[in-house]
Amino acid sequence: MKTPFGRDQYETWYQIEKNIRIFDRTFNRVEKFNGRKFSDPDNHERRERRMMGLKNERWVENYTYFFNGMTEEEQQYRDYFETDVEEDPENDICEGIMDREIIAEEG
């Protein structure tokens, strides 16, 4: 049985669903980042050194601008998983389109 509700309620619900999906992706990235030292200890130190070296280069040797809502933490994640991101790039626009499709399918 369908329940009628107004456009403002629908738009609020829709935005909440989109934000939950974005939060889930961010949470999964953080968990992957935190768990990598246990799941892949052989490469963890190398990746950690690379991440800290690139961070140091940004903060000491350069003046860094972040665009499109990126933060230092996001850039550290990208530095740590550099080869993973190159092989399977993360695209916020594509993920947003997929989010809209999934939400529409859910009804």
N, C-alpha and C. Protein backbone atom coordinates (compact mmCIF):
# COMPACT_ATOMS: atom_id res chain seq x y z
N MET A 1 0.84 -1.18 0.00
CA MET A 1 0.00 0.00 0.00
C MET A 1 0.88 1.24 0.00
N LYS A 2 0.63 2.14 -0.91
CA LYS A 2 1.43 3.34 -1.05
C LYS A 2 0.96 4.40 -0.06
N THR A 3 1.93 5.13 0.45
CA THR A 3 1.63 6.22 1.37
C THR A 3 1.93 7.54 0.67
N PRO A 4 0.95 8.41 0.52
CA PRO A 4 1.23 9.69 -0.14
C PRO A 4 1.99 10.64 0.80
N PHE A 5 2.92 11.38 0.21
CA PHE A 5 3.61 12.42 0.96
C PHE A 5 4.02 13.51 0.00
N GLY A 6 4.31 14.69 0.55
CA GLY A 6 4.57 15.87 -0.26
C GLY A 6 5.94 15.87 -0.91
N ARG A 7 6.08 16.79 -1.84
CA ARG A 7 7.34 16.91 -2.59
C ARG A 7 8.50 17.25 -1.66
N ASP A 8 8.28 18.14 -0.70
CA ASP A 8 9.36 18.51 0.21
C ASP A 8 9.83 17.31 1.03
N GLN A 9 8.90 16.47 1.45
CA GLN A 9 9.28 15.26 2.20
C GLN A 9 10.07 14.31 1.29
N TYR A 10 9.63 14.18 0.04
CA TYR A 10 10.32 13.31 -0.90
C TYR A 10 11.74 13.81 -1.15
N GLU A 11 11.90 15.11 -1.39
CA GLU A 11 13.22 15.67 -1.65
C GLU A 11 14.15 15.52 -0.45
N THR A 12 13.59 15.69 0.75
CA THR A 12 14.38 15.51 1.96
C THR A 12 14.82 14.06 2.09
N TRP A 13 13.90 13.13 1.88
CA TRP A 13 14.21 11.70 1.95
C TRP A 13 15.28 11.34 0.91
N TYR A 14 15.12 11.85 -0.30
CA TYR A 14 16.04 11.57 -1.39
C TYR A 14 17.45 12.06 -1.04
N GLN A 15 17.55 13.28 -0.51
CA GLN A 15 18.85 13.84 -0.14
C GLN A 15 19.48 13.04 1.00
N ILE A 16 18.67 12.61 1.95
CA ILE A 16 19.17 11.79 3.05
C ILE A 16 19.73 10.47 2.51
N GLU A 17 19.00 9.84 1.61
CA GLU A 17 19.47 8.58 1.02
C GLU A 17 20.80 8.78 0.29
N LYS A 18 20.93 9.86 -0.48
CA LYS A 18 22.17 10.13 -1.18
C LYS A 18 23.32 10.35 -0.20
N ASN A 19 23.06 11.10 0.86
CA ASN A 19 24.11 11.37 1.85
C ASN A 19 24.52 10.10 2.59
N ILE A 20 23.58 9.21 2.85
CA ILE A 20 23.91 7.94 3.50
C ILE A 20 24.83 7.12 2.60
N ARG A 21 24.55 7.09 1.32
CA ARG A 21 25.40 6.33 0.39
C ARG A 21 26.80 6.93 0.33
N ILE A 22 26.92 8.26 0.33
CA ILE A 22 28.23 8.91 0.32
C ILE A 22 28.97 8.59 1.62
N PHE A 23 28.27 8.66 2.75
CA PHE A 23 28.87 8.33 4.04
C PHE A 23 29.35 6.89 4.05
N ASP A 24 28.56 5.97 3.52
CA ASP A 24 28.94 4.56 3.48
C ASP A 24 30.24 4.37 2.69
N ARG A 25 30.35 5.03 1.55
CA ARG A 25 31.58 4.92 0.76
C ARG A 25 32.78 5.46 1.54
N THR A 26 32.61 6.60 2.19
CA THR A 26 33.69 7.18 2.98
C THR A 26 34.06 6.26 4.13
N PHE A 27 33.07 5.71 4.81
CA PHE A 27 33.32 4.80 5.93
C PHE A 27 34.08 3.57 5.44
N ASN A 28 33.69 3.03 4.29
CA ASN A 28 34.38 1.85 3.76
C ASN A 28 35.83 2.17 3.41
N ARG A 29 36.08 3.37 2.90
CA ARG A 29 37.47 3.76 2.60
C ARG A 29 38.29 3.82 3.89
N VAL A 30 37.73 4.41 4.92
CA VAL A 30 38.44 4.53 6.19
C VAL A 30 38.71 3.14 6.77
N GLU A 31 37.72 2.27 6.73
CA GLU A 31 37.91 0.91 7.24
C GLU A 31 38.97 0.17 6.43
N LYS A 32 38.96 0.35 5.12
CA LYS A 32 39.97 -0.28 4.27
C LYS A 32 41.35 0.25 4.64
N PHE A 33 41.44 1.55 4.85
CA PHE A 33 42.69 2.18 5.21
C PHE A 33 43.18 1.67 6.56
N ASN A 34 42.31 1.63 7.56
CA ASN A 34 42.70 1.18 8.90
C ASN A 34 43.00 -0.30 8.96
N GLY A 35 42.31 -1.10 8.17
CA GLY A 35 42.49 -2.54 8.20
C GLY A 35 43.64 -3.04 7.35
N ARG A 36 44.19 -2.20 6.50
CA ARG A 36 45.24 -2.65 5.58
C ARG A 36 46.49 -3.10 6.32
N LYS A 37 46.79 -2.50 7.46
CA LYS A 37 48.00 -2.90 8.19
C LYS A 37 47.88 -4.33 8.70
N PHE A 38 46.64 -4.81 8.88
CA PHE A 38 46.44 -6.18 9.34
C PHE A 38 46.25 -7.14 8.16
N SER A 39 45.59 -6.68 7.11
CA SER A 39 45.31 -7.56 5.98
C SER A 39 46.47 -7.64 4.98
N ASP A 40 47.33 -6.61 4.95
CA ASP A 40 48.47 -6.60 4.02
C ASP A 40 49.68 -5.99 4.71
N PRO A 41 50.20 -6.64 5.77
CA PRO A 41 51.29 -6.04 6.54
C PRO A 41 52.59 -5.88 5.74
N ASP A 42 52.80 -6.71 4.72
CA ASP A 42 54.03 -6.63 3.93
C ASP A 42 54.15 -5.30 3.20
N ASN A 43 53.04 -4.81 2.69
CA ASN A 43 53.07 -3.56 1.91
C ASN A 43 52.69 -2.34 2.74
N HIS A 44 52.21 -2.55 3.95
CA HIS A 44 51.71 -1.43 4.75
C HIS A 44 52.79 -0.39 5.02
N GLU A 45 53.97 -0.82 5.46
CA GLU A 45 55.04 0.14 5.78
C GLU A 45 55.46 0.93 4.56
N ARG A 46 55.57 0.28 3.41
CA ARG A 46 55.95 0.98 2.19
C ARG A 46 54.90 2.03 1.82
N ARG A 47 53.64 1.65 1.89
CA ARG A 47 52.56 2.58 1.56
C ARG A 47 52.51 3.74 2.56
N GLU A 48 52.74 3.41 3.84
CA GLU A 48 52.73 4.44 4.89
C GLU A 48 53.85 5.45 4.65
N ARG A 49 55.05 4.96 4.30
CA ARG A 49 56.17 5.87 4.01
C ARG A 49 55.85 6.77 2.82
N ARG A 50 55.27 6.17 1.77
CA ARG A 50 54.91 6.97 0.60
C ARG A 50 53.89 8.04 0.97
N MET A 51 52.88 7.65 1.73
CA MET A 51 51.84 8.59 2.13
C MET A 51 52.43 9.75 2.93
N MET A 52 53.27 9.44 3.91
CA MET A 52 53.85 10.48 4.76
C MET A 52 54.85 11.34 3.98
N GLY A 53 55.59 10.74 3.06
CA GLY A 53 56.53 11.51 2.23
C GLY A 53 55.80 12.51 1.34
N LEU A 54 54.72 12.08 0.71
CA LEU A 54 53.96 12.99 -0.14
C LEU A 54 53.26 14.07 0.69
N LYS A 55 52.80 13.72 1.88
CA LYS A 55 52.20 14.72 2.77
C LYS A 55 53.24 15.76 3.16
N ASN A 56 54.43 15.30 3.53
CA ASN A 56 55.50 16.21 3.90
C ASN A 56 55.86 17.14 2.73
N GLU A 57 55.91 16.59 1.54
CA GLU A 57 56.21 17.39 0.35
C GLU A 57 55.15 18.46 0.13
N ARG A 58 53.89 18.11 0.32
CA ARG A 58 52.81 19.09 0.16
C ARG A 58 52.90 20.20 1.21
N TRP A 59 53.19 19.84 2.44
CA TRP A 59 53.17 20.81 3.53
C TRP A 59 54.45 21.63 3.65
N VAL A 60 55.59 21.06 3.27
CA VAL A 60 56.87 21.75 3.46
C VAL A 60 57.38 22.40 2.18
N GLU A 61 57.35 21.67 1.10
CA GLU A 61 57.99 22.13 -0.13
C GLU A 61 57.04 22.84 -1.10
N ASN A 62 55.75 22.72 -0.91
CA ASN A 62 54.77 23.29 -1.84
C ASN A 62 53.68 24.04 -1.09
N TYR A 63 52.85 24.71 -1.85
CA TYR A 63 51.64 25.31 -1.31
C TYR A 63 50.49 24.62 -2.02
N THR A 64 49.68 23.88 -1.29
CA THR A 64 48.69 23.00 -1.89
C THR A 64 47.30 23.59 -1.83
N TYR A 65 46.59 23.54 -2.96
CA TYR A 65 45.17 23.89 -3.04
C TYR A 65 44.38 22.61 -3.25
N PHE A 66 43.31 22.45 -2.52
CA PHE A 66 42.43 21.30 -2.71
C PHE A 66 41.14 21.77 -3.35
N PHE A 67 40.71 21.12 -4.42
CA PHE A 67 39.49 21.48 -5.14
C PHE A 67 38.43 20.39 -4.96
N ASN A 68 37.20 20.74 -5.28
CA ASN A 68 36.07 19.80 -5.27
C ASN A 68 35.86 19.12 -3.92
N GLY A 69 36.07 19.86 -2.85
CA GLY A 69 35.80 19.33 -1.53
C GLY A 69 36.83 18.35 -1.01
N MET A 70 37.95 18.18 -1.70
CA MET A 70 38.98 17.27 -1.25
C MET A 70 39.67 17.86 -0.02
N THR A 71 40.09 17.00 0.87
CA THR A 71 40.79 17.42 2.08
C THR A 71 42.15 16.75 2.12
N GLU A 72 42.95 17.14 3.10
CA GLU A 72 44.26 16.50 3.28
C GLU A 72 44.10 15.01 3.56
N GLU A 73 43.09 14.65 4.35
CA GLU A 73 42.87 13.24 4.67
C GLU A 73 42.52 12.44 3.42
N GLU A 74 41.70 13.02 2.55
CA GLU A 74 41.35 12.34 1.30
C GLU A 74 42.58 12.17 0.43
N GLN A 75 43.42 13.19 0.39
CA GLN A 75 44.64 13.10 -0.41
C GLN A 75 45.59 12.06 0.17
N GLN A 76 45.65 11.95 1.49
CA GLN A 76 46.48 10.91 2.11
C GLN A 76 45.98 9.53 1.74
N TYR A 77 44.66 9.36 1.73
CA TYR A 77 44.08 8.09 1.32
C TYR A 77 44.49 7.77 -0.12
N ARG A 78 44.39 8.77 -1.00
CA ARG A 78 44.77 8.55 -2.40
C ARG A 78 46.26 8.25 -2.53
N ASP A 79 47.09 8.88 -1.71
CA ASP A 79 48.52 8.59 -1.73
C ASP A 79 48.79 7.16 -1.27
N TYR A 80 48.12 6.75 -0.21
CA TYR A 80 48.34 5.42 0.35
C TYR A 80 47.91 4.34 -0.65
N PHE A 81 46.76 4.53 -1.27
CA PHE A 81 46.23 3.55 -2.21
C PHE A 81 46.46 3.99 -3.66
N GLU A 82 47.61 4.60 -3.92
CA GLU A 82 47.90 5.18 -5.23
C GLU A 82 47.69 4.20 -6.37
N THR A 83 48.24 3.01 -6.29
CA THR A 83 48.10 2.05 -7.38
C THR A 83 46.67 1.53 -7.48
N ASP A 84 45.99 1.35 -6.35
CA ASP A 84 44.59 0.90 -6.38
C ASP A 84 43.71 1.93 -7.07
N VAL A 85 43.92 3.20 -6.75
CA VAL A 85 43.11 4.27 -7.33
C VAL A 85 43.40 4.41 -8.82
N GLU A 86 44.66 4.19 -9.23
CA GLU A 86 44.99 4.25 -10.65
C GLU A 86 44.32 3.12 -11.43
N GLU A 87 44.28 1.92 -10.84
CA GLU A 87 43.68 0.78 -11.51
C GLU A 87 42.16 0.84 -11.53
N ASP A 88 41.57 1.37 -10.47
CA ASP A 88 40.11 1.45 -10.35
C ASP A 88 39.75 2.86 -9.85
N PRO A 89 39.77 3.85 -10.75
CA PRO A 89 39.57 5.23 -10.30
C PRO A 89 38.19 5.46 -9.68
N GLU A 90 38.19 6.33 -8.69
CA GLU A 90 36.95 6.70 -8.02
C GLU A 90 36.45 7.99 -8.66
N ASN A 91 35.22 7.96 -9.11
CA ASN A 91 34.66 9.11 -9.80
C ASN A 91 33.36 9.49 -9.10
N ASP A 92 33.37 10.65 -8.44
CA ASP A 92 32.20 11.08 -7.68
C ASP A 92 30.98 11.28 -8.57
N ILE A 93 31.19 11.72 -9.81
CA ILE A 93 30.06 11.95 -10.72
C ILE A 93 29.41 10.61 -11.07
N CYS A 94 30.23 9.62 -11.44
CA CYS A 94 29.68 8.30 -11.78
C CYS A 94 29.01 7.66 -10.57
N GLU A 95 29.63 7.80 -9.40
CA GLU A 95 29.04 7.23 -8.20
C GLU A 95 27.72 7.92 -7.87
N GLY A 96 27.62 9.23 -8.11
CA GLY A 96 26.38 9.95 -7.89
C GLY A 96 25.27 9.48 -8.82
N ILE A 97 25.63 9.21 -10.08
CA ILE A 97 24.65 8.70 -11.05
C ILE A 97 24.18 7.31 -10.62
N MET A 98 25.11 6.47 -10.19
CA MET A 98 24.73 5.13 -9.74
C MET A 98 23.86 5.22 -8.49
N ASP A 99 24.15 6.16 -7.60
CA ASP A 99 23.33 6.35 -6.41
C ASP A 99 21.89 6.69 -6.81
N ARG A 100 21.73 7.62 -7.74
CA ARG A 100 20.38 8.01 -8.18
C ARG A 100 19.63 6.82 -8.77
N GLU A 101 20.32 6.00 -9.55
CA GLU A 101 19.67 4.83 -10.15
C GLU A 101 19.25 3.82 -9.08
N ILE A 102 20.12 3.58 -8.12
CA ILE A 102 19.81 2.61 -7.06
C ILE A 102 18.65 3.11 -6.21
N ILE A 103 18.66 4.39 -5.86
CA ILE A 103 17.57 4.95 -5.06
C ILE A 103 16.26 4.88 -5.83
N ALA A 104 16.30 5.14 -7.13
CA ALA A 104 15.07 5.08 -7.94
C ALA A 104 14.54 3.65 -8.01
N GLU A 105 15.44 2.67 -8.08
CA GLU A 105 15.00 1.27 -8.13
C GLU A 105 14.37 0.81 -6.82
N GLU A 106 14.83 1.41 -5.71
CA GLU A 106 14.30 1.02 -4.41
C GLU A 106 12.87 1.49 -4.20
N GLY A 107 12.45 2.46 -4.98
CA GLY A 107 11.08 2.96 -4.84
C GLY A 107 11.06 4.03 -3.85
